[in-house]
Protein backbone atom coordinates (compact mmCIF):
# COMPACT_ATOMS: atom_id res chain seq x y z
CA MET A 1 -10.30 -16.04 117.88
CA GLU A 2 -11.83 -13.75 120.50
CA ASN A 3 -9.15 -11.11 119.95
CA LEU A 4 -9.56 -10.74 116.19
CA THR A 5 -10.36 -7.34 114.76
CA VAL A 6 -13.10 -6.88 112.19
CA ARG A 7 -10.40 -6.54 109.54
CA GLU A 8 -8.78 -9.84 110.57
CA VAL A 9 -12.15 -11.62 110.44
CA MET A 10 -12.82 -10.23 106.96
CA GLU A 11 -9.34 -11.22 105.76
CA ALA A 12 -9.77 -14.75 107.13
CA MET A 13 -13.14 -15.17 105.41
CA GLU A 14 -12.09 -13.62 102.10
CA THR A 15 -10.06 -16.70 101.14
CA ILE A 16 -13.25 -18.77 100.75
CA THR A 17 -13.69 -18.90 97.01
CA GLU A 18 -16.41 -20.10 94.66
CA ILE A 19 -15.01 -21.93 91.64
CA LYS A 20 -17.33 -21.95 88.64
CA TYR A 21 -17.04 -24.54 85.92
CA SER A 22 -18.52 -24.08 82.48
CA GLY A 23 -21.32 -26.25 81.25
CA ARG A 24 -23.01 -28.87 83.38
CA TYR A 25 -20.44 -29.00 86.16
CA GLY A 26 -21.75 -25.99 88.08
CA SER A 27 -19.61 -24.65 90.90
CA LEU A 28 -18.01 -25.53 94.21
CA ILE A 29 -16.77 -23.60 97.20
CA THR A 30 -13.28 -24.13 98.61
CA GLU A 31 -13.07 -25.88 101.96
CA ALA A 32 -13.23 -23.66 105.04
CA GLY A 33 -10.22 -23.81 107.33
CA LEU A 34 -10.32 -24.15 111.11
CA LEU A 35 -10.33 -20.40 111.80
CA GLN A 36 -13.04 -19.86 109.18
CA ARG A 37 -15.20 -22.58 110.75
CA GLU A 38 -14.68 -21.01 114.20
CA ILE A 39 -15.72 -17.60 112.86
CA MET A 40 -18.83 -19.08 111.26
CA ALA A 41 -19.72 -20.85 114.54
CA ALA A 42 -19.27 -17.59 116.47
CA PHE A 43 -21.84 -15.98 114.15
CA GLY A 44 -24.19 -18.96 114.48
CA LEU A 45 -23.70 -20.09 110.87
CA PRO A 46 -23.71 -23.84 110.31
CA PRO A 47 -20.96 -25.23 108.01
CA GLU A 48 -23.54 -26.13 105.36
CA THR A 49 -24.13 -22.38 104.88
CA LEU A 50 -21.29 -22.54 102.34
CA LEU A 51 -23.16 -25.16 100.33
CA HIS A 52 -25.66 -24.02 97.76
CA ASP A 53 -27.46 -25.22 94.70
CA SER A 54 -25.48 -23.86 91.75
CA GLY A 55 -28.56 -24.38 89.55
CA LYS A 56 -30.30 -21.37 91.12
C-alpha cells in the first residue's frame, strides 16, 4: 500500500458505491475491501466513516 500513486488510491476508493432505494428503504454503501480499509486507516478514517444516516 505504501507504494501506491495518488491515481491508484483514487481508483481503489472509487469502487465504493452508495446504493439508493426508493421509498422508505433509504440507502446503503457497498462493503469496503481490504485495500480500501487500509487506505482509510492510513488517512486516519475509521471504518464507520462510510456509514451515515440516509434520512439526512
